[in-house]
Protein backbone atom coordinates (compact mmCIF):
# COMPACT_ATOMS: atom_id res chain seq x y z
CA MET A 1 16.34 4.65 3.67
CA SER A 2 19.07 3.05 1.68
CA LEU A 3 18.03 -0.58 1.24
CA SER A 4 19.71 -2.28 -1.68
CA VAL A 5 18.70 -5.83 -2.60
CA ARG A 6 20.22 -8.07 -5.25
CA LEU A 7 19.62 -11.77 -4.91
CA SER A 8 19.04 -15.03 -6.68
CA HIS A 9 17.87 -18.26 -5.16
CA ALA A 10 16.61 -21.56 -6.51
CA PHE A 11 13.71 -23.38 -4.90
CA GLU A 12 12.22 -26.69 -5.96
CA GLY A 13 10.23 -25.82 -9.08
CA ALA A 14 10.80 -22.06 -8.75
CA SER A 15 13.51 -19.42 -8.59
CA LEU A 16 14.10 -15.88 -7.39
CA ASP A 17 16.20 -13.44 -9.42
CA LEU A 18 15.81 -9.71 -8.79
CA ALA A 19 17.44 -6.44 -7.78
CA PHE A 20 16.01 -3.16 -6.46
CA GLU A 21 16.82 -0.03 -4.45
CA ALA A 22 14.01 0.82 -2.03
CA PRO A 23 13.49 4.60 -1.61
CA PRO A 24 12.25 6.21 1.64
CA GLY A 25 8.67 5.50 2.72
CA LEU A 26 6.62 2.33 2.54
CA THR A 27 7.72 0.01 -0.24
CA ALA A 28 5.13 -2.67 -1.02
CA LEU A 29 6.12 -6.05 -2.40
CA PHE A 30 2.97 -6.94 -4.30
CA GLY A 31 1.97 -10.03 -6.23
CA ALA A 32 0.09 -13.30 -6.21
CA SER A 33 0.86 -16.14 -3.81
CA GLY A 34 4.12 -17.81 -4.78
CA ALA A 35 5.52 -14.72 -6.51
CA GLY A 36 8.47 -14.57 -4.08
CA LYS A 37 7.40 -11.72 -1.77
CA THR A 38 7.98 -13.47 1.55
CA SER A 39 11.26 -14.97 0.34
CA VAL A 40 12.61 -11.46 -0.33
CA VAL A 41 11.62 -10.29 3.15
CA ARG A 42 13.08 -13.40 4.77
CA ALA A 43 16.36 -12.80 2.91
CA VAL A 44 16.50 -9.19 4.18
CA ALA A 45 15.76 -10.40 7.72
CA GLY A 46 18.44 -13.07 7.56
CA LEU A 47 15.99 -15.96 7.80
CA LEU A 48 16.84 -17.14 4.26
CA ARG A 49 20.37 -17.36 2.92
CA PRO A 50 20.21 -16.69 -0.85
CA ASP A 51 22.33 -18.68 -3.26
CA ALA A 52 23.92 -15.45 -4.46
CA GLY A 53 23.56 -11.71 -4.11
CA ARG A 54 24.19 -8.70 -1.92
CA ILE A 55 21.92 -6.89 0.58
CA THR A 56 22.88 -3.61 2.25
CA LEU A 57 20.98 -1.37 4.66
CA GLU A 58 22.14 2.17 5.40
CA GLY A 59 25.66 1.25 4.30
CA THR A 60 25.81 -1.92 6.40
CA VAL A 61 26.37 -5.12 4.44
CA LEU A 62 23.82 -7.66 5.64
CA PHE A 63 24.65 -10.30 3.06
CA ASP A 64 27.29 -10.67 0.37
CA SER A 65 27.78 -14.04 -1.26
CA ASP A 66 31.05 -13.03 -2.94
CA ALA A 67 32.55 -11.80 0.33
CA ARG A 68 31.00 -14.73 2.21
CA ARG A 69 29.34 -12.35 4.63
CA ASN A 70 26.00 -13.18 6.22
CA LEU A 71 25.11 -11.08 9.26
CA PRO A 72 23.02 -13.08 11.78
CA PRO A 73 19.38 -11.93 12.15
CA HIS A 74 19.85 -10.63 15.71
CA ARG A 75 22.64 -8.29 14.55
CA ARG A 76 20.70 -6.77 11.64
CA ARG A 77 18.47 -4.56 13.83
CA ILE A 78 15.39 -5.34 11.79
CA GLY A 79 11.80 -5.31 13.07
CA TYR A 80 9.61 -8.11 11.73
CA VAL A 81 5.81 -8.22 11.92
CA PHE A 82 4.27 -11.53 10.86
CA GLN A 83 0.80 -12.51 9.65
CA GLU A 84 -0.05 -13.57 13.22
CA PRO A 85 0.69 -11.16 16.10
CA ARG A 86 2.62 -13.81 18.10
CA LEU A 87 2.10 -11.98 21.39
CA PHE A 88 2.92 -13.56 24.74
CA PRO A 89 -0.52 -14.53 26.13
CA HIS A 90 0.61 -14.44 29.78
CA LEU A 91 1.86 -10.85 29.53
CA SER A 92 -0.16 -7.66 29.42
CA VAL A 93 0.10 -5.28 26.50
CA ARG A 94 2.62 -3.29 28.54
CA GLY A 95 4.62 -6.45 29.20
CA ASN A 96 4.67 -7.39 25.52
CA LEU A 97 5.84 -3.91 24.57
CA ILE A 98 8.55 -3.85 27.24
CA TYR A 99 9.84 -7.17 25.93
CA GLY A 100 10.53 -5.48 22.57
CA ARG A 101 12.32 -2.64 24.34
CA ARG A 102 14.88 -5.12 25.75
CA PHE A 103 16.48 -5.34 22.29
CA ALA A 104 16.87 -1.58 21.75
CA PRO A 105 20.27 0.09 21.97
CA ARG A 106 21.08 1.38 25.42
CA GLY A 107 20.04 4.92 26.23
CA THR A 108 16.94 4.88 24.03
CA ASP A 109 13.37 4.86 25.29
CA ASP A 110 10.54 5.47 22.84
CA PHE A 111 7.86 3.77 24.92
CA ASP A 112 5.53 6.76 25.35
CA ARG A 113 5.98 7.90 21.74
CA ILE A 114 5.20 4.48 20.28
CA VAL A 115 2.23 3.96 22.59
CA THR A 116 0.81 7.30 21.49
CA LEU A 117 1.61 6.75 17.83
CA LEU A 118 -0.30 3.44 17.75
CA GLY A 119 -3.08 4.45 20.14
CA LEU A 120 -2.26 1.81 22.74
CA SER A 121 -2.62 3.84 25.95
CA ALA A 122 -6.04 2.44 26.87
CA LEU A 123 -4.90 -1.14 26.22
CA LEU A 124 -1.75 -1.35 28.35
CA SER A 125 -3.28 -3.36 31.21
CA ARG A 126 -5.11 -5.88 29.00
CA ARG A 127 -3.99 -9.35 28.00
CA PRO A 128 -3.82 -10.29 24.29
CA GLY A 129 -6.87 -12.53 24.63
CA ALA A 130 -9.00 -9.48 25.44
CA LEU A 131 -7.95 -7.61 22.28
CA SER A 132 -9.40 -7.58 18.79
CA GLY A 133 -7.25 -8.87 15.92
CA GLY A 134 -6.48 -5.32 14.82
CA GLU A 135 -5.49 -4.30 18.36
CA GLN A 136 -3.20 -7.33 18.65
CA GLN A 137 -1.42 -6.39 15.43
CA ARG A 138 -0.93 -2.83 16.66
CA VAL A 139 0.73 -4.23 19.79
CA ALA A 140 2.91 -6.51 17.65
CA ILE A 141 3.99 -3.51 15.57
CA GLY A 142 4.69 -1.51 18.72
CA ARG A 143 6.81 -4.32 20.14
CA ALA A 144 8.84 -4.41 16.93
CA LEU A 145 9.31 -0.64 16.90
CA LEU A 146 10.46 -0.52 20.51
CA ALA A 147 13.49 -2.60 19.55
CA ARG A 148 14.58 0.52 17.60
CA PRO A 149 15.01 -1.28 14.25
CA ARG A 150 16.56 0.39 11.23
CA ILE A 151 13.75 -0.95 9.03
CA LEU A 152 10.38 -2.58 9.64
CA LEU A 153 9.43 -5.69 7.66
CA ALA A 154 5.71 -6.51 7.56
CA ASP A 155 4.74 -9.83 5.99
CA GLU A 156 1.02 -9.70 5.13
CA PRO A 157 0.16 -8.31 8.59
CA LEU A 158 -3.55 -7.95 7.74
CA SER A 159 -4.13 -11.25 5.95
CA ALA A 160 -5.56 -12.97 9.05
CA LEU A 161 -8.04 -10.13 9.76
CA ASP A 162 -11.60 -9.76 8.53
CA ALA A 163 -12.69 -6.67 6.61
CA ALA A 164 -13.82 -4.76 9.71
CA ARG A 165 -10.54 -5.37 11.55
CA LYS A 166 -8.55 -4.35 8.46
CA GLU A 167 -10.41 -1.05 8.33
CA GLU A 168 -9.64 -0.63 12.03
CA ILE A 169 -5.88 -0.93 11.61
CA LEU A 170 -5.28 0.69 8.19
CA PRO A 171 -5.41 4.28 9.56
CA TRP A 172 -2.79 3.34 12.16
CA LEU A 173 -0.55 1.91 9.46
CA GLU A 174 -0.93 5.15 7.48
CA ARG A 175 0.06 7.07 10.59
CA LEU A 176 3.02 4.77 11.12
CA ARG A 177 4.13 5.36 7.51
CA ASP A 178 3.86 9.14 7.89
CA GLU A 179 5.11 9.72 11.45
CA ALA A 180 7.41 6.91 12.59
CA GLY A 181 10.35 8.08 10.47
CA LEU A 182 11.14 4.46 9.72
CA PRO A 183 11.40 2.74 6.32
CA ILE A 184 8.92 -0.10 5.82
CA LEU A 185 9.06 -3.09 3.49
CA TYR A 186 5.48 -4.34 3.30
CA VAL A 187 4.29 -7.62 1.76
CA SER A 188 0.73 -7.91 0.44
CA HIS A 189 -1.37 -9.44 -2.32
CA SER A 190 -4.24 -6.99 -1.62
CA VAL A 191 -4.66 -4.21 -4.17
CA GLN A 192 -6.66 -2.12 -1.70
CA GLU A 193 -3.97 -2.35 1.00
CA VAL A 194 -1.19 -1.43 -1.39
CA ALA A 195 -3.19 1.48 -2.81
CA ARG A 196 -3.85 2.83 0.68
CA LEU A 197 -0.35 2.46 2.08
CA ALA A 198 2.42 2.25 -0.49
CA THR A 199 4.64 5.10 -1.61
CA THR A 200 6.52 2.68 -3.88
CA VAL A 201 5.27 -0.55 -5.46
CA ILE A 202 7.34 -3.54 -6.55
CA GLU A 203 5.19 -6.07 -8.39
CA LEU A 204 6.63 -9.57 -8.44
CA GLU A 205 5.76 -12.34 -10.86
CA ALA A 206 7.37 -15.78 -10.54
CA GLY A 207 10.36 -14.41 -8.64
CA ARG A 208 11.03 -11.53 -11.06
CA ILE A 209 10.22 -7.81 -10.88
CA ALA A 210 7.36 -7.13 -13.29
CA ARG A 211 6.83 -3.49 -12.35
CA PHE A 212 8.56 -0.96 -10.07
CA GLY A 213 7.83 2.69 -9.33
CA PRO A 214 5.86 5.27 -7.33
CA ALA A 215 2.42 3.96 -6.34
CA VAL A 216 0.50 6.59 -8.32
CA GLU A 217 2.39 5.74 -11.53
CA VAL A 218 2.05 1.98 -11.10
CA PHE A 219 -1.68 2.08 -10.41
CA SER A 220 -2.27 4.38 -13.37
CA ASP A 221 -0.67 1.88 -15.73
CA PRO A 222 -3.43 -0.06 -17.54
CA ALA A 223 -1.07 -3.02 -17.79
CA PHE A 224 -0.92 -3.26 -13.99
CA ALA A 225 -4.20 -5.19 -13.98
CA PRO A 226 -5.63 -7.09 -16.96
CA SER A 227 -8.77 -5.53 -18.39
CA GLY A 228 -10.67 -8.64 -17.34
CA SER A 229 -9.71 -8.13 -13.69
CA ARG A 230 -12.05 -6.40 -11.25
CA GLU A 231 -8.99 -5.00 -9.46
CA ALA A 232 -8.01 -2.40 -12.07
CA GLY A 233 -8.21 1.17 -10.83
CA ALA A 234 -6.15 4.36 -10.81
CA LEU A 235 -4.75 6.21 -7.81
CA ILE A 236 -5.05 9.99 -7.58
CA LEU A 237 -3.99 12.54 -4.98
CA ALA A 238 -6.33 15.19 -3.59
CA ARG A 239 -6.68 17.72 -0.76
CA ILE A 240 -9.74 18.49 1.37
CA CYS A 241 -10.98 22.01 0.59
CA ARG A 242 -14.12 22.26 2.72
CA HIS A 243 -16.88 20.35 4.42
CA HIS A 244 -20.40 21.28 3.29
CA ALA A 245 -23.52 21.39 5.45
CA ASP A 246 -25.30 18.89 3.19
CA GLY A 247 -22.92 16.10 4.22
CA LEU A 248 -20.38 16.31 1.38
CA THR A 249 -16.65 16.96 1.49
CA GLU A 250 -15.13 18.96 -1.38
CA LEU A 251 -11.71 17.94 -2.68
CA ASP A 252 -9.20 19.60 -4.97
CA ALA A 253 -7.44 17.04 -7.18
CA GLY A 254 -4.90 18.92 -9.28
CA GLY A 255 -7.42 21.69 -9.98
CA ALA A 256 -10.37 19.34 -10.55
CA THR A 257 -13.18 19.44 -7.99
CA LEU A 258 -14.44 16.17 -6.54
CA TYR A 259 -17.10 15.46 -3.92
CA LEU A 260 -17.19 12.58 -1.44
CA PRO A 261 -19.52 11.73 1.44
CA GLU A 262 -18.37 13.70 4.49
CA LEU A 263 -14.90 12.71 5.62
CA PRO A 264 -13.65 12.99 9.22
CA GLN A 265 -10.29 14.56 8.32
CA PRO A 266 -9.85 18.34 8.67
CA VAL A 267 -9.56 20.85 5.81
CA GLY A 268 -6.11 20.74 4.26
CA THR A 269 -5.61 17.00 4.70
CA GLU A 270 -3.84 15.31 1.79
CA LEU A 271 -5.60 12.17 0.58
CA ARG A 272 -5.13 9.41 -1.96
CA LEU A 273 -8.17 7.99 -3.73
CA ARG A 274 -8.35 4.69 -5.54
CA LEU A 275 -10.89 4.92 -8.35
CA PRO A 276 -11.98 1.43 -9.49
CA ALA A 277 -12.15 1.33 -13.28
CA SER A 278 -15.51 -0.44 -13.13
CA ASP A 279 -17.03 2.63 -11.38
CA VAL A 280 -15.98 5.13 -14.05
CA ILE A 281 -18.26 6.08 -16.97
CA LEU A 282 -17.02 7.94 -20.06
CA SER A 283 -18.89 10.44 -22.19
CA ARG A 284 -17.70 12.17 -25.38
CA HIS A 285 -19.37 15.44 -24.30
CA ARG A 286 -20.00 16.96 -20.90
CA PRO A 287 -23.29 15.36 -19.82
CA GLU A 288 -26.30 17.39 -18.71
CA GLY A 289 -29.09 16.40 -16.37
CA LEU A 290 -27.10 13.79 -14.44
CA SER A 291 -27.13 13.28 -10.68
CA ALA A 292 -23.37 12.56 -10.69
CA LEU A 293 -21.35 15.44 -9.22
CA ASN A 294 -17.88 14.26 -10.21
CA ILE A 295 -17.37 15.01 -13.91
CA VAL A 296 -13.78 15.55 -15.05
CA ALA A 297 -12.69 16.52 -18.56
CA GLY A 298 -9.84 14.56 -20.09
CA LYS A 299 -8.26 12.97 -23.14
CA VAL A 300 -7.92 9.28 -24.01
CA ILE A 301 -4.26 8.24 -23.94
CA SER A 302 -4.59 4.48 -24.41
CA ILE A 303 -7.10 1.68 -24.94
CA ARG A 304 -6.14 -1.78 -23.76
CA GLU A 305 -8.35 -4.60 -24.99
CA GLY A 306 -8.49 -7.88 -23.13
CA HIS A 307 -10.01 -11.25 -23.77
CA GLY A 308 -13.78 -11.15 -24.09
CA PRO A 309 -15.87 -7.99 -24.47
CA GLY A 310 -13.91 -5.75 -22.10
CA ALA A 311 -11.48 -2.88 -22.63
CA LEU A 312 -9.57 -0.65 -20.23
CA VAL A 313 -9.41 3.00 -21.28
CA ALA A 314 -6.82 5.35 -19.76
CA VAL A 315 -7.83 9.02 -19.63
CA GLU A 316 -5.47 11.86 -18.72
CA THR A 317 -7.24 14.52 -16.61
CA ARG A 318 -6.29 17.45 -14.38
CA ALA A 319 -6.78 15.11 -11.43
CA GLY A 320 -4.34 12.60 -12.88
CA GLN A 321 -4.72 9.51 -14.98
CA ILE A 322 -8.08 7.74 -14.59
CA LEU A 323 -8.94 4.24 -15.82
CA ALA A 324 -12.40 3.25 -17.11
CA ARG A 325 -13.63 -0.25 -17.83
CA LEU A 326 -15.89 -0.33 -20.89
CA THR A 327 -17.14 -2.93 -23.31
CA ARG A 328 -15.57 -2.96 -26.75
CA ARG A 329 -19.00 -2.11 -28.11
CA SER A 330 -19.03 1.08 -26.03
CA VAL A 331 -15.54 2.00 -27.22
CA THR A 332 -16.73 1.62 -30.82
CA ALA A 333 -20.02 3.44 -30.26
CA LEU A 334 -18.24 6.42 -28.65
CA GLU A 335 -15.57 6.35 -31.37
CA LEU A 336 -12.87 6.45 -28.73
CA ALA A 337 -9.24 6.50 -29.81
CA GLU A 338 -5.97 7.91 -28.55
CA GLY A 339 -6.32 11.68 -28.40
CA THR A 340 -10.14 11.68 -28.19
CA ASP A 341 -11.59 14.30 -25.81
CA CYS A 342 -14.02 12.92 -23.26
CA HIS A 343 -15.38 13.30 -19.74
CA ALA A 344 -14.92 10.83 -16.87
CA ILE A 345 -17.97 10.48 -14.63
CA LEU A 346 -17.84 9.04 -11.13
CA LYS A 347 -20.76 8.75 -8.74
CA THR A 348 -20.06 10.45 -5.43
CA LEU A 349 -21.22 7.47 -3.41
CA SER A 350 -19.29 4.88 -5.43
CA ILE A 351 -15.92 5.65 -3.79
CA ALA A 352 -15.88 3.17 -0.93
CA PRO A 353 -14.33 4.32 2.39
CA GLY A 354 -11.70 1.59 2.01
CA ASN A 355 -10.45 3.34 -1.15
CA VAL A 356 -9.80 6.63 0.66
CA GLY A 357 -6.52 6.94 2.52
CA SER A 358 -4.19 9.62 3.78
CA GLY A 359 -1.65 10.93 1.29
């Protein structure tokens, strides 16, 4: 994808001023409510006319304030998925999908491919009222894709779903990211969603870009989440090596061996794991006599102290950078400093299924 965004816009009591080039894959606009995420997406879609700036997609100028060009939304060929599915209640799933196909360029028909991609075959005859929230959002995504957009915009598509429905749809979103061949600009304030889905993260604060880069690098930055926040946690990549008869799955993470409760994916599957900093324990020496199976040697590269008794310690390991949340007293007792050798310990059962996604 070649999406280039440069815009500034003044709202009552707030402003937006940013610029970025979104690389291929799923780019997540992440940040707290009011950070400007939805305004950026609305500007790309043509639903908000910025005060100034320039937006291009695959060489097509969508907006240019200097040239006084502002392409209407219906000519931008952009798919938009909202927080609510907004399906037609009187139409079946098939009817809702066919409606999206009406806006596709002539001579294109991806109906069967999209239905298979999103697992909608068994739902085609149902009405939206007979679907779960996750199923409705899959239909909404399918309808958007069948219009053959050049980019898919998703504005907090899971925010209206409960935890169970989110877990239901996340694997389909991963599949969409990996197989649809379509760039995605995804808005969310959920750390877990962004960790599961994003290839690139743009963190917004008060209408400005606070952080931008590959998801693994952003999540490994201790400054990404304050040490007092429960959200801090690194992201590492791993591959399934084998499934053991005792119910464990063995992973290779950059040469380090990790074990998780048995996963359904086949051997060879690439995964991404979010390791919450609060679940990581550090030891100066390799511990003996512990039940924990995941023990990775590493070296302290930074210690970030926050307000109160907490500190966030970044440890470089073969598996990648891991973050550990410790008390300042523990940091002192272990005599931790930059360059100190240590071991990161993670209980096998502490990695929640929601923190395991496809690579």
